[in-house]
Amino acid sequence: EVFKIKPKLVILGASSILFPYNLKRVREICDRVDAYIGYDASHVLGLIAGKMFQPDPFKNGVDILFGSTHKTFFGPQGGMILTDNDDIAEKILRNMKLKMLDNPHLNRIAGLVQALWEFLMYGEKYARQVVYNAKALGKYLDANNIPVKYGELGYTESHQILLDIEKIEEKSGLKYSQIARKMEEANIIIDLGGRIGTQEISRIGMKEKDMKLIANLFSEIVIEKKSIDIVRKKVLNIRGKFTKICYC
């Protein structure tokens, strides 16, 4: 398709991003049509910065990297655009300044500076724990009869795991939307696409062993059909043990 369309820019990006791209192969294809590679790192910017996901994207063929500063990168709401190409940087600045961007928000800039400093100091340790927790959560959920995709690949290499919605519905006899509502009533928030991320629970200090506790809560709601009130009390008890922000 790339050879047919001959685009000027190929963007890599996904909402569910569990494994890194084969950048070498993408670079080879893009070179044949003289296209730039743009990498949408919105979900994994913090893991890239922490050297746990898609190592050295610029050295491996990416021309432009952009992403959110409020997902795995634990800063204020917003985004950033990065490149190691002076010509591209000049074009971006020329076409964004006063056209797409105008007033600076000093409170956000201050928050971003703080987040950048924290990443310089603790980013690698944080990113490592996020990925370790995601892998552990996938393993423990599977062991508790909550099917998770890609177990044969270690579940994930990022902060996300992906629930197997079809199999979960078969095992539980419930629609996934019903499960999500029950989870929310028990103070556990999951999205309707089956994604679960571990960046926030890692930030408050949870480790691999704590993923077993979370998996047990899932099983109590989905498989064992325990009272929501009982599970909610357990959630509050577990959450009450983690009251500090870590990696800062």
C-alpha atoms as a PDB file:
ATOM      1  CA  GLU A   1       0.000   0.000   0.000  1.00  0.00           C
ATOM      2  CA  VAL A   2       2.883   2.369   0.783  1.00  0.00           C
ATOM      3  CA  PHE A   3       4.404   1.740  -2.635  1.00  0.00           C
ATOM      4  CA  LYS A   4       1.054   2.499  -4.277  1.00  0.00           C
ATOM      5  CA  ILE A   5       0.263   5.715  -2.386  1.00  0.00           C
ATOM      6  CA  LYS A   6       3.858   6.958  -1.972  1.00  0.00           C
ATOM      7  CA  PRO A   7       3.132   9.060   1.130  1.00  0.00           C
ATOM      8  CA  LYS A   8       5.444  11.806   2.347  1.00  0.00           C
ATOM      9  CA  LEU A   9       4.927  10.725   5.945  1.00  0.00           C
ATOM     10  CA  VAL A  10       4.184   7.332   7.511  1.00  0.00           C
ATOM     11  CA  ILE A  11       2.865   7.514  11.076  1.00  0.00           C
ATOM     12  CA  LEU A  12       3.206   4.610  13.485  1.00  0.00           C
ATOM     13  CA  GLY A  13       0.702   4.707  16.318  1.00  0.00           C
ATOM     14  CA  ALA A  14      -1.890   2.708  18.225  1.00  0.00           C
ATOM     15  CA  SER A  15      -4.074   2.929  21.311  1.00  0.00           C
ATOM     16  CA  SER A  16      -3.193  -0.647  22.241  1.00  0.00           C
ATOM     17  CA  ILE A  17       0.575  -0.848  21.946  1.00  0.00           C
ATOM     18  CA  LEU A  18       1.970  -3.896  23.704  1.00  0.00           C
ATOM     19  CA  PHE A  19       5.066  -4.594  21.626  1.00  0.00           C
ATOM     20  CA  PRO A  20       7.604  -2.395  19.809  1.00  0.00           C
ATOM     21  CA  TYR A  21       7.547  -1.887  16.055  1.00  0.00           C
ATOM     22  CA  ASN A  22      10.085  -3.368  13.673  1.00  0.00           C
ATOM     23  CA  LEU A  23      11.578   0.023  12.859  1.00  0.00           C
ATOM     24  CA  LYS A  24      14.315  -1.396  10.671  1.00  0.00           C
ATOM     25  CA  ARG A  25      11.740  -2.926   8.321  1.00  0.00           C
ATOM     26  CA  VAL A  26       9.587   0.220   8.319  1.00  0.00           C
ATOM     27  CA  ARG A  27      12.661   2.346   7.550  1.00  0.00           C
ATOM     28  CA  GLU A  28      13.573   0.121   4.610  1.00  0.00           C
ATOM     29  CA  ILE A  29      10.070   0.497   3.149  1.00  0.00           C
ATOM     30  CA  CYS A  30       9.906   4.258   3.708  1.00  0.00           C
ATOM     31  CA  ASP A  31      13.318   4.791   2.121  1.00  0.00           C
ATOM     32  CA  ARG A  32      12.010   3.246  -1.092  1.00  0.00           C
ATOM     33  CA  VAL A  33       9.336   5.961  -1.394  1.00  0.00           C
ATOM     34  CA  ASP A  34      11.360   8.761   0.248  1.00  0.00           C
ATOM     35  CA  ALA A  35       8.953   9.081   3.193  1.00  0.00           C
ATOM     36  CA  TYR A  36       9.489  10.378   6.702  1.00  0.00           C
ATOM     37  CA  ILE A  37       8.604   8.195   9.697  1.00  0.00           C
ATOM     38  CA  GLY A  38       6.508   9.772  12.433  1.00  0.00           C
ATOM     39  CA  TYR A  39       6.220   7.834  15.694  1.00  0.00           C
ATOM     40  CA  ASP A  40       3.133   8.487  17.822  1.00  0.00           C
ATOM     41  CA  ALA A  41       4.501   7.703  21.278  1.00  0.00           C
ATOM     42  CA  SER A  42       1.488   9.073  23.163  1.00  0.00           C
ATOM     43  CA  HIS A  43       1.038   5.943  25.257  1.00  0.00           C
ATOM     44  CA  VAL A  44       4.664   4.871  25.609  1.00  0.00           C
ATOM     45  CA  LEU A  45       6.643   8.126  25.800  1.00  0.00           C
ATOM     46  CA  GLY A  46       7.592   7.492  29.422  1.00  0.00           C
ATOM     47  CA  LEU A  47       8.720   3.952  28.661  1.00  0.00           C
ATOM     48  CA  ILE A  48      10.845   5.140  25.740  1.00  0.00           C
ATOM     49  CA  ALA A  49      12.367   7.836  27.951  1.00  0.00           C
ATOM     50  CA  GLY A  50      12.978   5.178  30.598  1.00  0.00           C
ATOM     51  CA  LYS A  51      14.725   2.921  28.052  1.00  0.00           C
ATOM     52  CA  MET A  52      12.263   0.053  28.471  1.00  0.00           C
ATOM     53  CA  PHE A  53      10.431   0.242  25.137  1.00  0.00           C
ATOM     54  CA  GLN A  54      11.472   0.846  21.520  1.00  0.00           C
ATOM     55  CA  PRO A  55      15.100   1.730  22.330  1.00  0.00           C
ATOM     56  CA  ASP A  56      16.811   4.568  20.432  1.00  0.00           C
ATOM     57  CA  PRO A  57      13.944   5.344  18.016  1.00  0.00           C
ATOM     58  CA  PHE A  58      15.903   8.063  16.192  1.00  0.00           C
ATOM     59  CA  LYS A  59      18.943   5.839  15.699  1.00  0.00           C
ATOM     60  CA  ASN A  60      16.625   3.144  14.359  1.00  0.00           C
ATOM     61  CA  GLY A  61      14.948   5.235  11.692  1.00  0.00           C
ATOM     62  CA  VAL A  62      12.347   7.554  13.241  1.00  0.00           C
ATOM     63  CA  ASP A  63      12.373  11.136  11.926  1.00  0.00           C
ATOM     64  CA  ILE A  64       9.733  12.705  14.188  1.00  0.00           C
ATOM     65  CA  LEU A  65       8.532  11.484  17.573  1.00  0.00           C
ATOM     66  CA  PHE A  66       5.508  13.019  19.264  1.00  0.00           C
ATOM     67  CA  GLY A  67       3.464  12.042  22.258  1.00  0.00           C
ATOM     68  CA  SER A  68       1.504  12.886  25.379  1.00  0.00           C
ATOM     69  CA  THR A  69       3.141  14.193  28.517  1.00  0.00           C
ATOM     70  CA  HIS A  70       0.436  12.762  30.782  1.00  0.00           C
ATOM     71  CA  LYS A  71       0.274   8.997  30.225  1.00  0.00           C
ATOM     72  CA  THR A  72       3.325   6.829  30.924  1.00  0.00           C
ATOM     73  CA  PHE A  73       5.206  10.121  30.974  1.00  0.00           C
ATOM     74  CA  PHE A  74       3.864  11.415  34.293  1.00  0.00           C
ATOM     75  CA  GLY A  75       3.586  15.145  33.588  1.00  0.00           C
ATOM     76  CA  PRO A  76       0.797  17.691  33.045  1.00  0.00           C
ATOM     77  CA  GLN A  77      -1.790  17.415  30.272  1.00  0.00           C
ATOM     78  CA  GLY A  78      -0.207  18.180  26.914  1.00  0.00           C
ATOM     79  CA  GLY A  79       2.274  16.872  24.404  1.00  0.00           C
ATOM     80  CA  MET A  80       5.689  17.299  22.835  1.00  0.00           C
ATOM     81  CA  ILE A  81       7.297  16.926  19.414  1.00  0.00           C
ATOM     82  CA  LEU A  82      10.895  15.719  19.112  1.00  0.00           C
ATOM     83  CA  THR A  83      13.313  15.310  16.214  1.00  0.00           C
ATOM     84  CA  ASP A  84      17.054  15.081  15.692  1.00  0.00           C
ATOM     85  CA  ASN A  85      16.790  16.604  12.204  1.00  0.00           C
ATOM     86  CA  ASP A  86      17.468  20.365  12.034  1.00  0.00           C
ATOM     87  CA  ASP A  87      15.530  20.835   8.778  1.00  0.00           C
ATOM     88  CA  ILE A  88      12.449  19.097  10.177  1.00  0.00           C
ATOM     89  CA  ALA A  89      12.701  21.092  13.408  1.00  0.00           C
ATOM     90  CA  GLU A  90      12.780  24.366  11.457  1.00  0.00           C
ATOM     91  CA  LYS A  91       9.702  23.378   9.430  1.00  0.00           C
ATOM     92  CA  ILE A  92       7.789  22.366  12.556  1.00  0.00           C
ATOM     93  CA  LEU A  93       8.570  25.647  14.318  1.00  0.00           C
ATOM     94  CA  ARG A  94       7.734  27.723  11.243  1.00  0.00           C
ATOM     95  CA  ASN A  95       4.363  26.050  10.771  1.00  0.00           C
ATOM     96  CA  MET A  96       3.300  25.881  14.419  1.00  0.00           C
ATOM     97  CA  LYS A  97       4.426  29.145  16.001  1.00  0.00           C
ATOM     98  CA  LEU A  98       1.500  31.587  16.058  1.00  0.00           C
ATOM     99  CA  LYS A  99      -0.449  29.286  13.722  1.00  0.00           C
ATOM    100  CA  MET A 100      -1.183  26.395  16.059  1.00  0.00           C
ATOM    101  CA  LEU A 101       0.504  27.571  19.266  1.00  0.00           C
ATOM    102  CA  ASP A 102       0.403  30.991  20.883  1.00  0.00           C
ATOM    103  CA  ASN A 103       0.112  31.718  24.601  1.00  0.00           C
ATOM    104  CA  PRO A 104       2.408  29.834  26.984  1.00  0.00           C
ATOM    105  CA  HIS A 105       0.820  28.396  30.125  1.00  0.00           C
ATOM    106  CA  LEU A 106       3.452  28.917  32.794  1.00  0.00           C
ATOM    107  CA  ASN A 107       1.799  26.583  35.296  1.00  0.00           C
ATOM    108  CA  ARG A 108       1.963  23.740  32.783  1.00  0.00           C
ATOM    109  CA  ILE A 109       5.564  24.583  31.873  1.00  0.00           C
ATOM    110  CA  ALA A 110       6.523  24.437  35.559  1.00  0.00           C
ATOM    111  CA  GLY A 111       4.810  21.062  35.933  1.00  0.00           C
ATOM    112  CA  LEU A 112       6.542  19.729  32.832  1.00  0.00           C
ATOM    113  CA  VAL A 113       9.946  20.882  34.086  1.00  0.00           C
ATOM    114  CA  GLN A 114       9.317  19.043  37.360  1.00  0.00           C
ATOM    115  CA  ALA A 115       8.293  15.882  35.485  1.00  0.00           C
ATOM    116  CA  LEU A 116      11.375  16.084  33.247  1.00  0.00           C
ATOM    117  CA  TRP A 117      13.631  16.421  36.287  1.00  0.00           C
ATOM    118  CA  GLU A 118      11.963  13.418  37.931  1.00  0.00           C
ATOM    119  CA  PHE A 119      12.476  11.400  34.757  1.00  0.00           C
ATOM    120  CA  LEU A 120      16.155  12.297  34.638  1.00  0.00           C
ATOM    121  CA  MET A 121      16.521  11.093  38.216  1.00  0.00           C
ATOM    122  CA  TYR A 122      14.155   8.110  38.395  1.00  0.00           C
ATOM    123  CA  GLY A 123      12.770   7.463  34.899  1.00  0.00           C
ATOM    124  CA  GLU A 124      14.566   4.201  34.176  1.00  0.00           C
ATOM    125  CA  LYS A 125      13.652   2.682  37.532  1.00  0.00           C
ATOM    126  CA  TYR A 126      10.017   3.761  37.110  1.00  0.00           C
ATOM    127  CA  ALA A 127       9.719   2.459  33.539  1.00  0.00           C
ATOM    128  CA  ARG A 128      11.255  -0.863  34.506  1.00  0.00           C
ATOM    129  CA  GLN A 129       8.727  -1.363  37.310  1.00  0.00           C
ATOM    130  CA  VAL A 130       5.810  -0.401  35.057  1.00  0.00           C
ATOM    131  CA  VAL A 131       6.699  -3.116  32.538  1.00  0.00           C
ATOM    132  CA  TYR A 132       7.455  -5.710  35.232  1.00  0.00           C
ATOM    133  CA  ASN A 133       4.068  -5.013  36.819  1.00  0.00           C
ATOM    134  CA  ALA A 134       2.236  -5.331  33.504  1.00  0.00           C
ATOM    135  CA  LYS A 135       3.817  -8.713  32.817  1.00  0.00           C
ATOM    136  CA  ALA A 136       3.046  -9.906  36.344  1.00  0.00           C
ATOM    137  CA  LEU A 137      -0.559  -8.703  36.182  1.00  0.00           C
ATOM    138  CA  GLY A 138      -1.093 -10.574  32.918  1.00  0.00           C
ATOM    139  CA  LYS A 139       0.302 -13.754  34.445  1.00  0.00           C
ATOM    140  CA  TYR A 140      -1.771 -13.526  37.628  1.00  0.00           C
ATOM    141  CA  LEU A 141      -4.992 -12.675  35.788  1.00  0.00           C
ATOM    142  CA  ASP A 142      -4.530 -15.693  33.528  1.00  0.00           C
ATOM    143  CA  ALA A 143      -3.933 -17.857  36.594  1.00  0.00           C
ATOM    144  CA  ASN A 144      -7.209 -16.551  38.049  1.00  0.00           C
ATOM    145  CA  ASN A 145      -9.267 -17.561  34.982  1.00  0.00           C
ATOM    146  CA  ILE A 146      -9.273 -14.033  33.530  1.00  0.00           C
ATOM    147  CA  PRO A 147      -7.927 -14.660  29.992  1.00  0.00           C
ATOM    148  CA  VAL A 148      -5.276 -12.219  28.767  1.00  0.00           C
ATOM    149  CA  LYS A 149      -4.015 -12.079  25.199  1.00  0.00           C
ATOM    150  CA  TYR A 150      -0.455 -12.811  24.062  1.00  0.00           C
ATOM    151  CA  GLY A 151       0.567 -14.987  26.993  1.00  0.00           C
ATOM    152  CA  GLU A 152       2.842 -16.919  24.639  1.00  0.00           C
ATOM    153  CA  LEU A 153       4.785 -13.666  24.116  1.00  0.00           C
ATOM    154  CA  GLY A 154       4.990 -12.768  27.785  1.00  0.00           C
ATOM    155  CA  TYR A 155       1.755 -10.718  27.572  1.00  0.00           C
ATOM    156  CA  THR A 156       3.422  -7.373  26.866  1.00  0.00           C
ATOM    157  CA  GLU A 157       6.580  -5.311  26.619  1.00  0.00           C
ATOM    158  CA  SER A 158       4.822  -2.077  27.601  1.00  0.00           C
ATOM    159  CA  HIS A 159       2.571  -0.788  30.390  1.00  0.00           C
ATOM    160  CA  GLN A 160      -0.525  -2.341  28.838  1.00  0.00           C
ATOM    161  CA  ILE A 161      -2.065  -5.769  28.849  1.00  0.00           C
ATOM    162  CA  LEU A 162      -5.060  -6.693  26.722  1.00  0.00           C
ATOM    163  CA  LEU A 163      -7.884  -8.769  28.139  1.00  0.00           C
ATOM    164  CA  ASP A 164      -9.428 -11.425  25.899  1.00  0.00           C
ATOM    165  CA  ILE A 165     -12.954 -10.022  25.993  1.00  0.00           C
ATOM    166  CA  GLU A 166     -14.610 -12.862  24.078  1.00  0.00           C
ATOM    167  CA  LYS A 167     -13.204 -15.550  26.370  1.00  0.00           C
ATOM    168  CA  ILE A 168     -13.986 -13.529  29.496  1.00  0.00           C
ATOM    169  CA  GLU A 169     -17.610 -13.183  28.416  1.00  0.00           C
ATOM    170  CA  GLU A 170     -17.782 -16.946  27.836  1.00  0.00           C
ATOM    171  CA  LYS A 171     -16.322 -17.748  31.255  1.00  0.00           C
ATOM    172  CA  SER A 172     -18.376 -15.214  33.195  1.00  0.00           C
ATOM    173  CA  GLY A 173     -21.684 -15.316  31.330  1.00  0.00           C
ATOM    174  CA  LEU A 174     -21.642 -11.507  31.373  1.00  0.00           C
ATOM    175  CA  LYS A 175     -21.202  -8.875  28.699  1.00  0.00           C
ATOM    176  CA  TYR A 176     -17.921  -7.039  29.034  1.00  0.00           C
ATOM    177  CA  SER A 177     -19.766  -3.736  29.505  1.00  0.00           C
ATOM    178  CA  GLN A 178     -21.524  -5.297  32.516  1.00  0.00           C
ATOM    179  CA  ILE A 179     -18.183  -6.416  33.911  1.00  0.00           C
ATOM    180  CA  ALA A 180     -16.737  -2.918  33.482  1.00  0.00           C
ATOM    181  CA  ARG A 181     -19.685  -1.421  35.382  1.00  0.00           C
ATOM    182  CA  LYS A 182     -19.312  -3.916  38.225  1.00  0.00           C
ATOM    183  CA  MET A 183     -15.605  -3.127  38.388  1.00  0.00           C
ATOM    184  CA  GLU A 184     -16.317   0.584  38.581  1.00  0.00           C
ATOM    185  CA  GLU A 185     -18.824   0.029  41.388  1.00  0.00           C
ATOM    186  CA  ALA A 186     -16.019  -1.751  43.253  1.00  0.00           C
ATOM    187  CA  ASN A 187     -13.648   1.218  42.629  1.00  0.00           C
ATOM    188  CA  ILE A 188     -11.661  -0.539  39.886  1.00  0.00           C
ATOM    189  CA  ILE A 189     -11.586   1.381  36.602  1.00  0.00           C
ATOM    190  CA  ILE A 190     -11.026  -0.479  33.319  1.00  0.00           C
ATOM    191  CA  ASP A 191     -11.827   0.683  29.800  1.00  0.00           C
ATOM    192  CA  LEU A 192     -14.277  -0.900  27.383  1.00  0.00           C
ATOM    193  CA  GLY A 193     -11.545  -1.955  24.970  1.00  0.00           C
ATOM    194  CA  GLY A 194      -9.995  -4.476  27.337  1.00  0.00           C
ATOM    195  CA  ARG A 195      -6.838  -2.469  28.015  1.00  0.00           C
ATOM    196  CA  ILE A 196      -5.331  -2.329  31.487  1.00  0.00           C
ATOM    197  CA  GLY A 197      -2.345  -0.104  32.233  1.00  0.00           C
ATOM    198  CA  THR A 198       0.049  -0.282  35.171  1.00  0.00           C
ATOM    199  CA  GLN A 199       1.673   3.156  35.147  1.00  0.00           C
ATOM    200  CA  GLU A 200      -0.509   4.682  37.879  1.00  0.00           C
ATOM    201  CA  ILE A 201      -0.328   1.740  40.275  1.00  0.00           C
ATOM    202  CA  SER A 202       3.435   1.626  39.745  1.00  0.00           C
ATOM    203  CA  ARG A 203       3.693   5.331  40.541  1.00  0.00           C
ATOM    204  CA  ILE A 204       2.153   4.753  43.978  1.00  0.00           C
ATOM    205  CA  GLY A 205       4.661   2.023  44.775  1.00  0.00           C
ATOM    206  CA  MET A 206       3.027  -1.265  43.810  1.00  0.00           C
ATOM    207  CA  LYS A 207       5.340  -4.112  42.795  1.00  0.00           C
ATOM    208  CA  GLU A 208       4.931  -7.484  41.074  1.00  0.00           C
ATOM    209  CA  LYS A 209       3.649  -9.249  44.201  1.00  0.00           C
ATOM    210  CA  ASP A 210       0.845  -6.691  44.498  1.00  0.00           C
ATOM    211  CA  MET A 211      -0.416  -7.603  41.029  1.00  0.00           C
ATOM    212  CA  LYS A 212      -1.615 -10.884  42.515  1.00  0.00           C
ATOM    213  CA  LEU A 213      -3.898  -8.943  44.871  1.00  0.00           C
ATOM    214  CA  ILE A 214      -5.375  -7.020  41.943  1.00  0.00           C
ATOM    215  CA  ALA A 215      -5.876 -10.201  39.919  1.00  0.00           C
ATOM    216  CA  ASN A 216      -7.701 -11.769  42.864  1.00  0.00           C
ATOM    217  CA  LEU A 217     -10.094  -8.808  42.961  1.00  0.00           C
ATOM    218  CA  PHE A 218     -10.864  -9.255  39.260  1.00  0.00           C
ATOM    219  CA  SER A 219     -11.597 -12.929  39.811  1.00  0.00           C
ATOM    220  CA  GLU A 220     -13.864 -12.244  42.777  1.00  0.00           C
ATOM    221  CA  ILE A 221     -16.028  -9.967  40.625  1.00  0.00           C
ATOM    222  CA  VAL A 222     -15.909 -11.737  37.257  1.00  0.00           C
ATOM    223  CA  ILE A 223     -15.663 -15.434  38.124  1.00  0.00           C
ATOM    224  CA  GLU A 224     -16.742 -15.841  41.751  1.00  0.00           C
ATOM    225  CA  LYS A 225     -19.490 -13.178  41.525  1.00  0.00           C
ATOM    226  CA  LYS A 226     -18.841 -11.940  45.060  1.00  0.00           C
ATOM    227  CA  SER A 227     -20.700  -9.001  46.553  1.00  0.00           C
ATOM    228  CA  ILE A 228     -19.562  -5.662  45.144  1.00  0.00           C
ATOM    229  CA  ASP A 229     -19.618  -4.193  48.659  1.00  0.00           C
ATOM    230  CA  ILE A 230     -17.208  -6.858  49.913  1.00  0.00           C
ATOM    231  CA  VAL A 231     -14.822  -6.356  46.996  1.00  0.00           C
ATOM    232  CA  ARG A 232     -14.994  -2.563  47.327  1.00  0.00           C
ATOM    233  CA  LYS A 233     -13.886  -2.806  50.961  1.00  0.00           C
ATOM    234  CA  LYS A 234     -10.909  -4.926  49.883  1.00  0.00           C
ATOM    235  CA  VAL A 235     -10.033  -2.398  47.178  1.00  0.00           C
ATOM    236  CA  LEU A 236     -10.108   0.471  49.678  1.00  0.00           C
ATOM    237  CA  ASN A 237      -8.007  -1.524  52.128  1.00  0.00           C
ATOM    238  CA  ILE A 238      -5.346  -2.297  49.516  1.00  0.00           C
ATOM    239  CA  ARG A 239      -5.340   1.247  48.146  1.00  0.00           C
ATOM    240  CA  GLY A 240      -4.998   2.646  51.661  1.00  0.00           C
ATOM    241  CA  LYS A 241      -1.611   0.963  51.981  1.00  0.00           C
ATOM    242  CA  PHE A 242      -0.199   2.967  49.061  1.00  0.00           C
ATOM    243  CA  THR A 243      -0.487   6.653  49.895  1.00  0.00           C
ATOM    244  CA  LYS A 244       2.788   8.069  48.585  1.00  0.00           C
ATOM    245  CA  ILE A 245       3.867   9.059  45.083  1.00  0.00           C
ATOM    246  CA  CYS A 246       7.106   7.295  44.160  1.00  0.00           C
ATOM    247  CA  TYR A 247       9.910   8.020  41.695  1.00  0.00           C
ATOM    248  CA  CYS A 248      10.052  11.701  42.577  1.00  0.00           C
END
